[in-house]
Amino acid sequence: MTSLPEDSDSTGSTPRSEAGDTPKIVCARCGTPAPGPRPMWTCSVENGTRRYFCDNCARGNLRAIEGRLDSAWW
């Protein structure tokens, strides 16, 4: 069974918005809020948890991401 990305995140990187029905995605590294409900950010699944990284954090850690290192390492 598959689910939408916002349904499977348990890290707190998708807190509920003021309206309560649409999750607000934030960068798992720096906390920058996403500009929209579905940003074109890097998405990583670490230990079964979906994490989103903004463009700046993804660019700054590209080698670690490509090496499949968990974000806790970088």
N, C-alpha and C. Protein backbone atom coordinates (compact mmCIF):
# COMPACT_ATOMS: atom_id res chain seq x y z
N MET A 1 0.84 -1.17 0.00
CA MET A 1 0.00 0.00 0.00
C MET A 1 0.88 1.22 0.00
N THR A 2 0.57 2.18 -0.83
CA THR A 2 1.34 3.42 -0.89
C THR A 2 0.56 4.54 -0.24
N SER A 3 1.29 5.57 0.15
CA SER A 3 0.64 6.72 0.76
C SER A 3 1.29 7.99 0.25
N LEU A 4 0.65 9.10 0.43
CA LEU A 4 1.20 10.38 0.04
C LEU A 4 2.37 10.74 0.93
N PRO A 5 3.35 11.51 0.41
CA PRO A 5 4.51 11.86 1.22
C PRO A 5 4.17 12.50 2.55
N GLU A 6 3.16 13.34 2.58
CA GLU A 6 2.84 14.01 3.82
C GLU A 6 2.21 13.08 4.86
N ASP A 7 1.76 11.90 4.43
CA ASP A 7 1.17 10.95 5.36
C ASP A 7 2.20 10.09 6.06
N SER A 8 3.42 10.00 5.51
CA SER A 8 4.39 9.05 6.04
C SER A 8 5.52 9.69 6.81
N ASP A 9 5.47 10.98 7.06
CA ASP A 9 6.58 11.64 7.73
C ASP A 9 6.33 11.71 9.23
N SER A 10 7.25 11.16 10.00
CA SER A 10 7.07 11.17 11.45
C SER A 10 8.18 11.93 12.15
N THR A 11 8.99 12.71 11.41
CA THR A 11 10.11 13.43 12.01
C THR A 11 9.71 14.80 12.52
N GLY A 12 8.53 15.24 12.17
CA GLY A 12 8.15 16.59 12.54
C GLY A 12 8.53 17.58 11.47
N SER A 13 9.04 17.12 10.34
CA SER A 13 9.42 18.04 9.28
C SER A 13 8.21 18.45 8.44
N THR A 14 7.04 17.93 8.75
CA THR A 14 5.82 18.35 8.07
C THR A 14 4.74 18.68 9.10
N PRO A 15 4.94 19.72 9.91
CA PRO A 15 3.91 20.07 10.88
C PRO A 15 2.66 20.58 10.18
N ARG A 16 1.54 20.42 10.82
CA ARG A 16 0.27 20.88 10.25
C ARG A 16 0.25 22.41 10.19
N SER A 17 -0.37 22.92 9.13
CA SER A 17 -0.48 24.36 8.96
C SER A 17 -1.59 24.90 9.84
N GLU A 18 -1.78 26.20 9.79
CA GLU A 18 -2.83 26.85 10.57
C GLU A 18 -4.21 26.29 10.21
N ALA A 19 -4.43 25.98 8.93
CA ALA A 19 -5.73 25.48 8.50
C ALA A 19 -5.98 24.08 9.04
N GLY A 20 -4.91 23.33 9.30
CA GLY A 20 -5.05 22.02 9.91
C GLY A 20 -5.16 20.87 8.94
N ASP A 21 -5.40 21.12 7.65
CA ASP A 21 -5.58 20.02 6.73
C ASP A 21 -4.41 19.83 5.76
N THR A 22 -3.58 20.82 5.53
CA THR A 22 -2.45 20.70 4.62
C THR A 22 -1.16 20.79 5.41
N PRO A 23 -0.31 19.76 5.34
CA PRO A 23 0.94 19.82 6.09
C PRO A 23 1.89 20.85 5.51
N LYS A 24 2.67 21.46 6.38
CA LYS A 24 3.65 22.46 5.96
C LYS A 24 5.01 21.78 6.00
N ILE A 25 5.68 21.69 4.85
CA ILE A 25 6.97 21.02 4.77
C ILE A 25 8.07 22.01 5.11
N VAL A 26 9.00 21.58 5.96
CA VAL A 26 10.17 22.38 6.29
C VAL A 26 11.42 21.55 6.07
N CYS A 27 12.53 22.21 5.82
CA CYS A 27 13.80 21.53 5.62
C CYS A 27 14.20 20.80 6.91
N ALA A 28 14.56 19.52 6.79
CA ALA A 28 14.94 18.72 7.95
C ALA A 28 16.28 19.15 8.54
N ARG A 29 17.07 19.91 7.79
CA ARG A 29 18.38 20.33 8.28
C ARG A 29 18.36 21.73 8.86
N CYS A 30 17.81 22.71 8.12
CA CYS A 30 17.87 24.10 8.58
C CYS A 30 16.53 24.67 9.03
N GLY A 31 15.43 23.99 8.73
CA GLY A 31 14.12 24.45 9.17
C GLY A 31 13.44 25.46 8.27
N THR A 32 14.01 25.72 7.10
CA THR A 32 13.40 26.66 6.16
C THR A 32 12.06 26.13 5.70
N PRO A 33 10.99 26.94 5.78
CA PRO A 33 9.68 26.45 5.31
C PRO A 33 9.64 26.39 3.78
N ALA A 34 8.91 25.42 3.26
CA ALA A 34 8.75 25.26 1.81
C ALA A 34 7.89 26.39 1.26
N PRO A 35 8.18 26.82 0.03
CA PRO A 35 7.38 27.90 -0.57
C PRO A 35 5.97 27.47 -0.98
N GLY A 36 5.71 26.19 -1.04
CA GLY A 36 4.39 25.70 -1.43
C GLY A 36 4.14 24.33 -0.83
N PRO A 37 2.99 23.75 -1.10
CA PRO A 37 2.65 22.46 -0.50
C PRO A 37 3.50 21.30 -1.02
N ARG A 38 4.02 21.38 -2.23
CA ARG A 38 4.84 20.31 -2.82
C ARG A 38 6.10 20.93 -3.44
N PRO A 39 7.11 21.23 -2.63
CA PRO A 39 8.31 21.85 -3.17
C PRO A 39 9.14 20.87 -4.00
N MET A 40 9.96 21.38 -4.86
CA MET A 40 10.86 20.55 -5.67
C MET A 40 12.19 20.44 -4.92
N TRP A 41 12.14 19.87 -3.73
CA TRP A 41 13.31 19.71 -2.88
C TRP A 41 13.81 18.28 -2.94
N THR A 42 15.00 18.05 -2.39
CA THR A 42 15.54 16.71 -2.27
C THR A 42 14.78 15.98 -1.17
N CYS A 43 14.38 14.76 -1.47
CA CYS A 43 13.67 13.94 -0.50
C CYS A 43 14.49 12.71 -0.22
N SER A 44 14.63 12.37 1.04
CA SER A 44 15.43 11.22 1.45
C SER A 44 14.62 10.39 2.44
N VAL A 45 14.72 9.08 2.33
CA VAL A 45 14.09 8.19 3.30
C VAL A 45 15.19 7.59 4.14
N GLU A 46 15.22 7.94 5.42
CA GLU A 46 16.24 7.49 6.34
C GLU A 46 15.56 6.72 7.48
N ASN A 47 15.94 5.47 7.66
CA ASN A 47 15.36 4.61 8.69
C ASN A 47 13.83 4.58 8.60
N GLY A 48 13.32 4.57 7.37
CA GLY A 48 11.88 4.49 7.15
C GLY A 48 11.14 5.80 7.29
N THR A 49 11.86 6.90 7.47
CA THR A 49 11.24 8.21 7.64
C THR A 49 11.60 9.12 6.48
N ARG A 50 10.61 9.76 5.89
CA ARG A 50 10.82 10.67 4.78
C ARG A 50 11.29 12.03 5.30
N ARG A 51 12.39 12.54 4.73
CA ARG A 51 12.93 13.84 5.12
C ARG A 51 13.15 14.69 3.89
N TYR A 52 12.86 15.98 3.98
CA TYR A 52 13.02 16.91 2.87
C TYR A 52 14.16 17.88 3.18
N PHE A 53 14.93 18.22 2.14
CA PHE A 53 16.05 19.15 2.29
C PHE A 53 15.92 20.26 1.25
N CYS A 54 16.04 21.51 1.69
CA CYS A 54 15.93 22.66 0.79
C CYS A 54 17.10 22.66 -0.20
N ASP A 55 17.01 23.50 -1.21
CA ASP A 55 18.04 23.57 -2.25
C ASP A 55 19.41 23.89 -1.67
N ASN A 56 19.49 24.84 -0.75
CA ASN A 56 20.78 25.23 -0.17
C ASN A 56 21.43 24.09 0.61
N CYS A 57 20.67 23.40 1.43
CA CYS A 57 21.22 22.28 2.20
C CYS A 57 21.60 21.12 1.29
N ALA A 58 20.79 20.86 0.28
CA ALA A 58 21.08 19.76 -0.65
C ALA A 58 22.35 20.05 -1.44
N ARG A 59 22.50 21.27 -1.92
CA ARG A 59 23.70 21.63 -2.68
C ARG A 59 24.95 21.56 -1.82
N GLY A 60 24.85 22.02 -0.60
CA GLY A 60 26.00 22.04 0.30
C GLY A 60 26.45 20.66 0.74
N ASN A 61 25.60 19.67 0.60
CA ASN A 61 25.92 18.32 1.06
C ASN A 61 25.71 17.28 -0.04
N LEU A 62 25.91 17.70 -1.28
CA LEU A 62 25.64 16.84 -2.42
C LEU A 62 26.44 15.54 -2.40
N ARG A 63 27.73 15.61 -2.06
CA ARG A 63 28.56 14.39 -2.04
C ARG A 63 28.04 13.39 -1.00
N ALA A 64 27.64 13.88 0.16
CA ALA A 64 27.12 12.99 1.21
C ALA A 64 25.79 12.38 0.78
N ILE A 65 24.95 13.16 0.11
CA ILE A 65 23.66 12.67 -0.36
C ILE A 65 23.87 11.59 -1.42
N GLU A 66 24.76 11.87 -2.38
CA GLU A 66 25.02 10.88 -3.43
C GLU A 66 25.68 9.62 -2.87
N GLY A 67 26.43 9.76 -1.78
CA GLY A 67 27.05 8.61 -1.13
C GLY A 67 26.09 7.86 -0.23
N ARG A 68 24.83 8.31 -0.20
CA ARG A 68 23.77 7.69 0.61
C ARG A 68 24.07 7.69 2.10
N LEU A 69 24.75 8.72 2.56
CA LEU A 69 25.01 8.86 3.98
C LEU A 69 23.80 9.49 4.65
N ASP A 70 23.42 9.00 5.82
CA ASP A 70 22.32 9.61 6.57
C ASP A 70 22.64 11.05 6.90
N SER A 71 21.62 11.89 6.95
CA SER A 71 21.83 13.32 7.22
C SER A 71 22.45 13.56 8.59
N ALA A 72 22.31 12.63 9.52
CA ALA A 72 22.94 12.78 10.83
C ALA A 72 24.46 12.80 10.70
N TRP A 73 24.98 12.14 9.67
CA TRP A 73 26.43 12.11 9.46
C TRP A 73 26.96 13.44 8.95
N TRP A 74 26.22 14.11 8.05
CA TRP A 74 26.69 15.37 7.49
C TRP A 74 26.12 16.52 8.24
